[in-house]
Amino acid sequence: MNHQLSRVGELKHGYEGLLIASNKICVSNVHYDNIHQLTSELVDVWFGKIHSLVYLGISWESEQGDVYFQAERGNRDEQGAVPFFEERIVVSEQWDTAKTPRFVRLVAQTAVEQSDREIEELEQSFFQLLLVNVRGLILRCLHEHQSTELKELEMEMGLARRIQSMLIPKEEWQMNGLRARTVYVPVTYVGGDYIDFVRINERYTCFVVADVSGHGLPASIWASVIRIAVRAILQTSWSPDEILQRLNQLLYADLVKTRSYITMLVAVHDAARHRLLIARAGHPQPIYLSSTQKSILHCRSGVGLGLLPDSTYELEEVPLTEEGILLLYTDGLLDTGRKDGQHSSHQLLAALAALLDEPGKEEMMERVESYLWAMTRQGPQTDDISVLILQFQTGSHAGQRGSETPARTGVPELKRL
């Protein structure tokens, strides 16, 4: 009895020393370059402090039992003549790699036979503590690594956002009686919407609004691809229907591979004939606003890019017969601030019409732009928001002679070409 009490006292005293020594190692700076060394140091400390041990081994193991790393001290009695303790604990249910194993296993053998249950349970609790310490090192290493990666990723995503922001037109564009402004708010660091205007020559200017399926970095890469492809196609073709058809032919195979698709609207302004040429690929219909009429332009549409290999698109003409505004936008604008569903384009039209009917000193374009920016701040944003605001002028306002301006007024009549 006295011998057992003495043995328990020795174990408890040894436990205090182990705890102090283990804590020194466990609070060390840990990273993937030194975690194996720290694990080995823990095994050294425990093997040195528990004098009855003849073997102590710690191994990092996979779900299938493969050993990623092992630290052993002493000589293991494979014949089983010496009592041993063995236990395995889960490190992470989400990971199973050489750096973050699924399990940690401990095997210990002592030269002292256990004749007392209290002593046996006490030693087992010591070994369980060692397992917990090793698991803690691995998880802390993972956390430190992820924190470092997260900081690097945030820096890279910040750079990506700045680059994408530089590619989105921000300054007002004016030429040949036409003004253009943009509203662009990605839902994450970077967005999958593409919005742009490109001057083709003195007569023609191309305007593009596109929406890539999905969000974030993958969609933003596609947005950059679209920008390059559109500008390349504009070197040889400026007709919106041809632009969409050639884009689909160019991007279809890769869009299918990535299970992506793109909706897009292309509009080309013809300054000489005061008209817009429009083609749509599954994109929301534009909204027309003037002092006399407010309406949705029901342009015909082909399917989105990447959905059918041989898609064709219809070209339509919008005569610009009076001063007005045309809104080209992605469907993220209809999602913003809605908890119970999606705004319809008709609701948006009604809100803008009421806004323009109110008395005020602001010009039409400034009112619309202010309202749209306010919409983006109304509530939770679930999608990228992109709007291209086109204000067109006619007659002397456009720098053209009045005799060259068509005499008709009202909603532009769409013409199929």
Protein backbone atom coordinates (compact mmCIF):
# COMPACT_ATOMS: atom_id res chain seq x y z
CA MET A 1 0.00 0.00 0.00
CA ASN A 2 2.79 2.41 0.95
CA HIS A 3 4.60 1.48 -2.25
CA GLN A 4 1.53 2.33 -4.31
CA LEU A 5 1.06 5.66 -2.54
CA SER A 6 4.72 6.45 -3.14
CA ARG A 7 4.30 5.53 -6.81
CA VAL A 8 1.24 7.79 -7.17
CA GLY A 9 3.16 10.64 -5.52
CA GLU A 10 6.08 10.21 -7.91
CA LEU A 11 3.73 10.24 -10.89
CA LYS A 12 1.96 13.40 -9.74
CA HIS A 13 5.27 15.14 -9.10
CA GLY A 14 6.51 14.03 -12.51
CA TYR A 15 3.27 15.31 -14.03
CA GLU A 16 4.02 18.83 -12.77
CA GLY A 17 7.45 18.76 -14.38
CA LEU A 18 6.01 17.38 -17.61
CA LEU A 19 3.36 20.08 -17.69
CA ILE A 20 5.94 22.85 -17.32
CA ALA A 21 8.28 21.37 -19.93
CA SER A 22 5.44 20.65 -22.37
CA ASN A 23 4.02 24.15 -22.05
CA LYS A 24 7.37 25.69 -22.97
CA ILE A 25 7.37 23.73 -26.21
CA CYS A 26 3.67 24.19 -26.95
CA VAL A 27 3.82 27.99 -26.68
CA SER A 28 6.76 28.21 -29.07
CA ASN A 29 6.30 29.82 -32.46
CA VAL A 30 5.13 27.00 -34.69
CA HIS A 31 5.15 26.73 -38.46
CA TYR A 32 5.51 24.01 -41.04
CA ASP A 33 9.30 24.28 -41.02
CA ASN A 34 9.66 23.40 -37.32
CA ILE A 35 6.56 21.44 -36.32
CA HIS A 36 8.27 18.05 -36.76
CA GLN A 37 11.12 19.26 -34.57
CA LEU A 38 8.72 20.49 -31.87
CA THR A 39 6.83 17.19 -31.92
CA SER A 40 10.12 15.32 -31.52
CA GLU A 41 11.08 17.60 -28.62
CA LEU A 42 7.80 16.78 -26.88
CA VAL A 43 8.52 13.06 -27.26
CA ASP A 44 12.04 13.63 -25.89
CA VAL A 45 10.71 15.45 -22.83
CA TRP A 46 8.11 12.80 -22.02
CA PHE A 47 10.44 9.91 -22.60
CA GLY A 48 13.07 11.56 -20.40
CA LYS A 49 10.68 12.50 -17.57
CA ILE A 50 8.84 9.17 -17.27
CA HIS A 51 11.65 6.85 -16.23
CA SER A 52 9.55 3.69 -16.48
CA LEU A 53 9.10 4.13 -20.23
CA VAL A 54 10.97 1.73 -22.48
CA TYR A 55 9.29 2.96 -25.66
CA LEU A 56 7.33 6.04 -26.72
CA GLY A 57 6.12 6.75 -30.25
CA ILE A 58 3.99 9.47 -31.83
CA SER A 59 2.81 9.12 -35.42
CA TRP A 60 0.75 11.29 -37.75
CA GLU A 61 -1.59 9.09 -39.76
CA SER A 62 -4.06 9.27 -42.61
CA GLU A 63 -7.58 7.88 -42.71
CA GLN A 64 -6.16 4.76 -44.39
CA GLY A 65 -3.41 4.34 -41.78
CA ASP A 66 -0.52 5.73 -43.83
CA VAL A 67 2.15 7.30 -41.62
CA TYR A 68 3.03 10.87 -42.60
CA PHE A 69 5.52 11.44 -39.77
CA GLN A 70 6.79 9.48 -36.77
CA ALA A 71 8.90 10.30 -33.71
CA GLU A 72 10.09 7.32 -31.61
CA ARG A 73 12.24 6.91 -28.53
CA GLY A 74 13.40 3.64 -26.94
CA ASN A 75 12.89 0.10 -28.18
CA ARG A 76 9.45 -1.31 -28.69
CA ASP A 77 8.79 -4.83 -27.45
CA GLU A 78 6.99 -6.38 -30.39
CA GLN A 79 6.45 -9.64 -28.47
CA GLY A 80 4.07 -7.92 -26.09
CA ALA A 81 5.90 -8.98 -22.95
CA VAL A 82 5.93 -5.37 -21.75
CA PRO A 83 2.55 -3.70 -21.10
CA PHE A 84 1.72 -0.90 -23.49
CA PHE A 85 -0.76 1.92 -23.92
CA GLU A 86 -2.09 2.85 -27.37
CA GLU A 87 -4.58 5.53 -28.39
CA ARG A 88 -5.49 7.51 -31.51
CA ILE A 89 -7.32 10.84 -31.62
CA VAL A 90 -8.76 12.88 -34.48
CA VAL A 91 -6.85 16.01 -35.46
CA SER A 92 -9.26 17.32 -38.09
CA GLU A 93 -12.29 15.98 -39.91
CA GLN A 94 -11.69 18.40 -42.79
CA TRP A 95 -8.03 17.69 -43.47
CA ASP A 96 -5.96 14.61 -44.22
CA THR A 97 -2.56 15.70 -45.49
CA ALA A 98 1.08 15.32 -44.53
CA LYS A 99 0.93 18.75 -42.88
CA THR A 100 -2.45 18.31 -41.20
CA PRO A 101 -3.11 14.59 -40.66
CA ARG A 102 -6.47 13.07 -39.88
CA PHE A 103 -5.16 11.28 -36.76
CA VAL A 104 -2.37 11.32 -34.18
CA ARG A 105 -1.47 7.97 -32.62
CA LEU A 106 0.53 7.32 -29.44
CA VAL A 107 2.09 4.01 -28.39
CA ALA A 108 3.85 3.74 -25.00
CA GLN A 109 5.42 0.79 -23.17
CA THR A 110 6.59 0.82 -19.57
CA ALA A 111 8.84 -1.57 -17.65
CA VAL A 112 6.55 -1.51 -14.61
CA GLU A 113 3.57 -3.81 -14.42
CA GLN A 114 0.39 -2.02 -13.44
CA SER A 115 -1.13 -3.63 -10.38
CA ASP A 116 -3.21 -0.65 -9.34
CA ARG A 117 -6.04 0.84 -11.40
CA GLU A 118 -5.43 4.37 -10.08
CA ILE A 119 -1.82 4.31 -11.24
CA GLU A 120 -2.82 2.90 -14.62
CA GLU A 121 -5.47 5.57 -15.17
CA LEU A 122 -3.06 8.29 -14.06
CA GLU A 123 -0.42 7.25 -16.58
CA GLN A 124 -3.04 6.97 -19.31
CA SER A 125 -4.15 10.54 -18.58
CA PHE A 126 -0.51 11.65 -18.99
CA PHE A 127 -0.30 10.04 -22.41
CA GLN A 128 -3.64 11.54 -23.43
CA LEU A 129 -2.25 14.95 -22.50
CA LEU A 130 0.71 14.34 -24.80
CA LEU A 131 -1.67 13.47 -27.65
CA VAL A 132 -3.65 16.64 -27.01
CA ASN A 133 -0.44 18.70 -26.98
CA VAL A 134 0.65 17.29 -30.34
CA ARG A 135 -2.79 17.87 -31.84
CA GLY A 136 -2.71 21.42 -30.49
CA LEU A 137 0.63 22.07 -32.19
CA ILE A 138 -0.69 20.79 -35.51
CA LEU A 139 -3.89 22.83 -35.34
CA ARG A 140 -2.05 25.97 -34.24
CA CYS A 141 0.37 25.50 -37.11
CA LEU A 142 -2.57 25.15 -39.49
CA HIS A 143 -4.19 28.27 -38.05
CA GLU A 144 -0.98 30.29 -38.36
CA HIS A 145 -0.50 29.10 -41.92
CA GLN A 146 -4.08 29.93 -42.84
CA SER A 147 -3.78 33.35 -41.21
CA THR A 148 -0.66 34.07 -43.24
CA GLU A 149 -2.29 32.78 -46.41
CA LEU A 150 -5.40 34.84 -45.67
CA LYS A 151 -3.34 38.01 -45.29
CA GLU A 152 -1.52 37.27 -48.54
CA LEU A 153 -4.82 36.46 -50.26
CA GLU A 154 -6.37 39.69 -48.99
CA MET A 155 -3.42 41.62 -50.40
CA GLU A 156 -3.70 39.82 -53.73
CA MET A 157 -7.47 40.29 -53.87
CA GLY A 158 -7.05 43.95 -52.99
CA LEU A 159 -4.62 44.29 -55.89
CA ALA A 160 -7.03 42.40 -58.17
CA ARG A 161 -9.82 44.76 -57.15
CA ARG A 162 -7.70 47.81 -57.90
CA ILE A 163 -6.75 46.40 -61.30
CA GLN A 164 -10.36 45.57 -62.16
CA SER A 165 -11.46 48.96 -60.90
CA MET A 166 -9.00 50.62 -63.27
CA LEU A 167 -10.55 48.69 -66.18
CA ILE A 168 -14.09 49.90 -65.38
CA PRO A 169 -14.77 53.37 -66.83
CA LYS A 170 -15.39 55.87 -64.03
CA GLU A 171 -15.09 59.24 -65.69
CA GLU A 172 -17.99 60.58 -67.68
CA TRP A 173 -17.59 60.04 -71.40
CA GLN A 174 -18.90 62.63 -73.89
CA MET A 175 -18.88 62.69 -77.67
CA ASN A 176 -21.22 63.45 -80.55
CA GLY A 177 -24.20 64.37 -78.40
CA LEU A 178 -23.83 61.34 -76.14
CA ARG A 179 -22.88 61.16 -72.45
CA ALA A 180 -22.07 57.95 -70.60
CA ARG A 181 -21.59 57.19 -66.90
CA THR A 182 -21.27 53.97 -64.96
CA VAL A 183 -22.39 52.57 -61.62
CA TYR A 184 -20.34 49.53 -60.62
CA VAL A 185 -20.45 47.70 -57.26
CA PRO A 186 -19.03 44.14 -57.04
CA VAL A 187 -20.52 41.90 -54.36
CA THR A 188 -17.06 40.61 -53.34
CA TYR A 189 -13.50 41.89 -53.80
CA VAL A 190 -13.81 41.47 -57.55
CA GLY A 191 -16.86 41.03 -59.73
CA GLY A 192 -18.06 39.04 -62.70
CA ASP A 193 -19.75 41.96 -64.43
CA TYR A 194 -18.15 43.64 -67.41
CA ILE A 195 -19.04 47.20 -68.37
CA ASP A 196 -17.21 49.22 -70.98
CA PHE A 197 -17.39 51.67 -73.85
CA VAL A 198 -14.99 51.74 -76.76
CA ARG A 199 -14.72 54.42 -79.42
CA ILE A 200 -14.50 52.65 -82.77
CA ASN A 201 -14.07 55.76 -84.92
CA GLU A 202 -15.48 59.28 -85.26
CA ARG A 203 -18.92 57.91 -86.07
CA TYR A 204 -19.33 54.76 -83.97
CA THR A 205 -18.93 54.00 -80.26
CA CYS A 206 -19.53 50.56 -78.76
CA PHE A 207 -21.13 50.06 -75.33
CA VAL A 208 -21.08 46.67 -73.58
CA VAL A 209 -22.67 45.37 -70.39
CA ALA A 210 -22.16 41.70 -69.50
CA ASP A 211 -22.81 39.42 -66.53
CA VAL A 212 -20.81 36.22 -65.96
CA SER A 213 -22.53 33.46 -64.01
CA GLY A 214 -21.21 33.12 -60.47
CA HIS A 215 -19.26 35.60 -58.38
CA GLY A 216 -15.77 36.39 -57.18
CA LEU A 217 -12.42 35.59 -58.72
CA PRO A 218 -13.49 32.95 -61.31
CA ALA A 219 -16.17 35.27 -62.69
CA SER A 220 -13.78 38.24 -62.66
CA ILE A 221 -11.27 36.29 -64.77
CA TRP A 222 -13.99 35.73 -67.35
CA ALA A 223 -14.84 39.44 -67.24
CA SER A 224 -11.22 40.23 -68.13
CA VAL A 225 -11.32 37.67 -70.95
CA ILE A 226 -14.47 39.32 -72.33
CA ARG A 227 -12.80 42.73 -72.31
CA ILE A 228 -9.85 41.47 -74.34
CA ALA A 229 -12.05 39.50 -76.74
CA VAL A 230 -14.49 42.37 -77.37
CA ARG A 231 -11.71 44.80 -78.16
CA ALA A 232 -10.09 42.28 -80.50
CA ILE A 233 -13.35 41.66 -82.38
CA LEU A 234 -13.97 45.40 -82.71
CA GLN A 235 -10.87 45.61 -84.88
CA THR A 236 -12.77 43.91 -87.70
CA SER A 237 -16.47 44.11 -86.82
CA TRP A 238 -18.70 46.66 -85.08
CA SER A 239 -22.18 45.20 -85.64
CA PRO A 240 -23.58 44.10 -82.22
CA ASP A 241 -25.11 40.85 -83.53
CA GLU A 242 -21.81 39.84 -85.13
CA ILE A 243 -19.89 40.76 -81.98
CA LEU A 244 -22.08 38.44 -79.88
CA GLN A 245 -21.94 35.63 -82.42
CA ARG A 246 -18.16 35.77 -82.71
CA LEU A 247 -17.75 36.00 -78.94
CA ASN A 248 -19.87 32.88 -78.49
CA GLN A 249 -17.83 31.00 -81.10
CA LEU A 250 -14.60 32.12 -79.48
CA LEU A 251 -15.51 31.40 -75.84
CA TYR A 252 -18.04 28.55 -76.08
CA ALA A 253 -15.69 25.59 -75.49
CA ASP A 254 -14.00 27.15 -72.46
CA LEU A 255 -17.30 28.33 -70.99
CA VAL A 256 -18.62 24.77 -71.22
CA LYS A 257 -15.49 23.41 -69.52
CA THR A 258 -15.91 25.80 -66.60
CA ARG A 259 -19.72 25.39 -66.52
CA SER A 260 -20.13 29.11 -66.99
CA TYR A 261 -22.25 31.30 -69.21
CA ILE A 262 -22.49 35.01 -69.96
CA THR A 263 -25.42 37.31 -70.57
CA MET A 264 -24.56 40.41 -72.57
CA LEU A 265 -25.97 43.45 -74.29
CA VAL A 266 -24.01 45.25 -76.99
CA ALA A 267 -25.06 48.68 -78.25
CA VAL A 268 -23.30 50.69 -80.95
CA HIS A 269 -24.05 54.40 -81.21
CA ASP A 270 -24.18 55.81 -84.73
CA ALA A 271 -23.57 59.55 -84.37
CA ALA A 272 -24.23 60.30 -88.05
CA ARG A 273 -27.70 58.76 -88.12
CA HIS A 274 -28.71 59.41 -84.49
CA ARG A 275 -29.42 55.80 -83.62
CA LEU A 276 -28.34 52.89 -81.46
CA LEU A 277 -27.83 49.40 -82.85
CA ILE A 278 -28.55 46.77 -80.19
CA ALA A 279 -28.22 43.00 -79.80
CA ARG A 280 -28.89 40.95 -76.65
CA ALA A 281 -27.70 37.57 -75.40
CA GLY A 282 -30.06 36.66 -72.56
CA HIS A 283 -29.51 40.03 -70.89
CA PRO A 284 -32.09 42.26 -69.14
CA GLN A 285 -33.95 44.60 -71.47
CA PRO A 286 -32.83 48.24 -71.42
CA ILE A 287 -34.96 51.02 -69.93
CA TYR A 288 -35.74 54.17 -71.91
CA LEU A 289 -36.45 57.47 -70.13
CA SER A 290 -37.32 60.85 -71.62
CA SER A 291 -39.42 63.86 -70.67
CA THR A 292 -42.36 62.48 -72.66
CA GLN A 293 -42.02 58.71 -72.43
CA LYS A 294 -40.72 56.04 -70.04
CA SER A 295 -40.67 52.43 -71.16
CA ILE A 296 -38.83 49.13 -71.39
CA LEU A 297 -37.36 48.46 -74.81
CA HIS A 298 -38.46 44.96 -75.72
CA CYS A 299 -35.43 43.96 -77.74
CA ARG A 300 -35.38 40.41 -79.00
CA SER A 301 -32.79 38.18 -77.40
CA GLY A 302 -30.69 35.17 -78.21
CA VAL A 303 -29.43 32.79 -75.52
CA GLY A 304 -26.51 33.61 -73.27
CA LEU A 305 -22.97 33.00 -74.46
CA GLY A 306 -21.74 29.49 -73.73
CA LEU A 307 -25.17 27.82 -73.81
CA LEU A 308 -25.40 26.82 -77.49
CA PRO A 309 -22.48 26.43 -79.90
CA ASP A 310 -24.11 28.03 -82.95
CA SER A 311 -26.21 30.80 -81.42
CA THR A 312 -27.25 33.71 -83.60
CA TYR A 313 -28.45 37.12 -82.45
CA GLU A 314 -30.84 39.68 -83.88
CA LEU A 315 -29.81 43.23 -84.62
CA GLU A 316 -32.27 46.01 -83.80
CA GLU A 317 -32.20 49.74 -84.36
CA VAL A 318 -33.26 52.36 -81.81
CA PRO A 319 -33.80 55.78 -83.45
CA LEU A 320 -32.78 58.59 -81.09
CA THR A 321 -35.44 61.18 -81.84
CA GLU A 322 -35.43 63.22 -78.63
CA GLU A 323 -33.28 63.85 -75.60
CA GLY A 324 -33.42 60.90 -73.25
CA ILE A 325 -31.64 58.26 -71.23
CA LEU A 326 -31.06 54.57 -71.86
CA LEU A 327 -30.17 52.30 -68.93
CA LEU A 328 -28.17 49.14 -69.63
CA TYR A 329 -27.76 47.07 -66.46
CA THR A 330 -27.11 43.64 -64.99
CA ASP A 331 -29.75 41.81 -62.95
CA GLY A 332 -27.83 42.49 -59.73
CA LEU A 333 -29.50 45.91 -59.75
CA LEU A 334 -32.89 44.20 -59.45
CA ASP A 335 -31.71 42.05 -56.53
CA THR A 336 -30.34 44.79 -54.31
CA GLY A 337 -32.13 45.61 -51.06
CA ARG A 338 -34.79 42.93 -51.55
CA LYS A 339 -35.38 40.40 -48.78
CA ASP A 340 -38.59 39.00 -50.28
CA GLY A 341 -37.45 38.45 -53.84
CA GLN A 342 -36.36 40.41 -56.86
CA HIS A 343 -37.40 43.79 -58.17
CA SER A 344 -38.88 43.59 -61.64
CA SER A 345 -37.69 45.85 -64.41
CA HIS A 346 -41.22 47.31 -64.41
CA GLN A 347 -40.87 48.28 -60.74
CA LEU A 348 -37.53 49.90 -61.49
CA LEU A 349 -39.05 51.75 -64.43
CA ALA A 350 -41.95 53.01 -62.28
CA ALA A 351 -39.56 54.25 -59.58
CA LEU A 352 -37.38 56.09 -62.09
CA ALA A 353 -40.41 57.57 -63.85
CA ALA A 354 -41.74 58.93 -60.54
CA LEU A 355 -38.30 60.33 -59.76
CA LEU A 356 -38.08 62.22 -63.03
CA ASP A 357 -41.61 63.59 -62.64
CA GLU A 358 -40.65 65.30 -59.38
CA PRO A 359 -39.68 68.98 -59.64
CA GLY A 360 -36.00 69.71 -59.16
CA LYS A 361 -32.98 71.50 -60.51
CA GLU A 362 -30.82 68.44 -61.15
CA GLU A 363 -30.45 67.26 -64.70
CA MET A 364 -32.05 63.99 -65.71
CA MET A 365 -28.78 62.06 -65.76
CA GLU A 366 -27.68 63.31 -62.33
CA ARG A 367 -31.03 62.35 -60.81
CA VAL A 368 -30.92 58.86 -62.26
CA GLU A 369 -27.31 58.30 -61.23
CA SER A 370 -27.93 59.48 -57.65
CA TYR A 371 -30.96 57.22 -57.37
CA LEU A 372 -29.04 54.19 -58.63
CA TRP A 373 -26.15 54.74 -56.21
CA ALA A 374 -28.71 55.03 -53.40
CA MET A 375 -30.24 51.71 -54.51
CA THR A 376 -26.88 49.97 -54.09
CA ARG A 377 -26.86 51.00 -50.42
CA GLN A 378 -30.42 49.98 -49.57
CA GLY A 379 -29.68 46.59 -48.08
CA PRO A 380 -27.86 43.27 -48.44
CA GLN A 381 -26.18 42.89 -51.81
CA THR A 382 -26.33 39.40 -53.31
CA ASP A 383 -24.95 40.02 -56.79
CA ASP A 384 -22.62 42.32 -58.68
CA ILE A 385 -24.29 45.56 -59.76
CA SER A 386 -23.40 47.26 -63.03
CA VAL A 387 -25.26 50.04 -64.80
CA LEU A 388 -24.35 51.98 -67.91
CA ILE A 389 -26.26 55.27 -68.15
CA LEU A 390 -26.44 56.70 -71.67
CA GLN A 391 -27.85 60.18 -72.20
CA PHE A 392 -28.34 61.16 -75.80
CA GLN A 393 -29.06 64.59 -77.23
CA THR A 394 -30.40 65.64 -80.58
CA GLY A 395 -30.26 68.68 -82.82
CA SER A 396 -28.24 71.67 -81.67
CA HIS A 397 -27.63 70.05 -78.27
CA ALA A 398 -25.65 67.36 -80.02
CA GLY A 399 -23.55 69.76 -81.98
CA GLN A 400 -25.49 68.88 -85.16
CA ARG A 401 -27.58 71.11 -87.37
CA GLY A 402 -31.27 71.05 -86.59
CA SER A 403 -32.20 70.03 -90.14
CA GLU A 404 -30.31 66.76 -89.64
CA THR A 405 -32.38 65.76 -86.63
CA PRO A 406 -35.37 63.48 -87.19
CA ALA A 407 -38.62 65.29 -86.43
CA ARG A 408 -40.35 62.43 -84.57
CA THR A 409 -40.62 62.30 -80.77
CA GLY A 410 -41.71 59.65 -78.29
CA VAL A 411 -40.57 56.12 -77.49
CA PRO A 412 -38.02 54.88 -80.02
CA GLU A 413 -39.54 52.38 -82.40
CA LEU A 414 -37.40 49.27 -82.59
CA LYS A 415 -36.47 48.23 -86.09
CA ARG A 416 -35.32 44.71 -86.95
CA LEU A 417 -32.42 44.89 -89.35
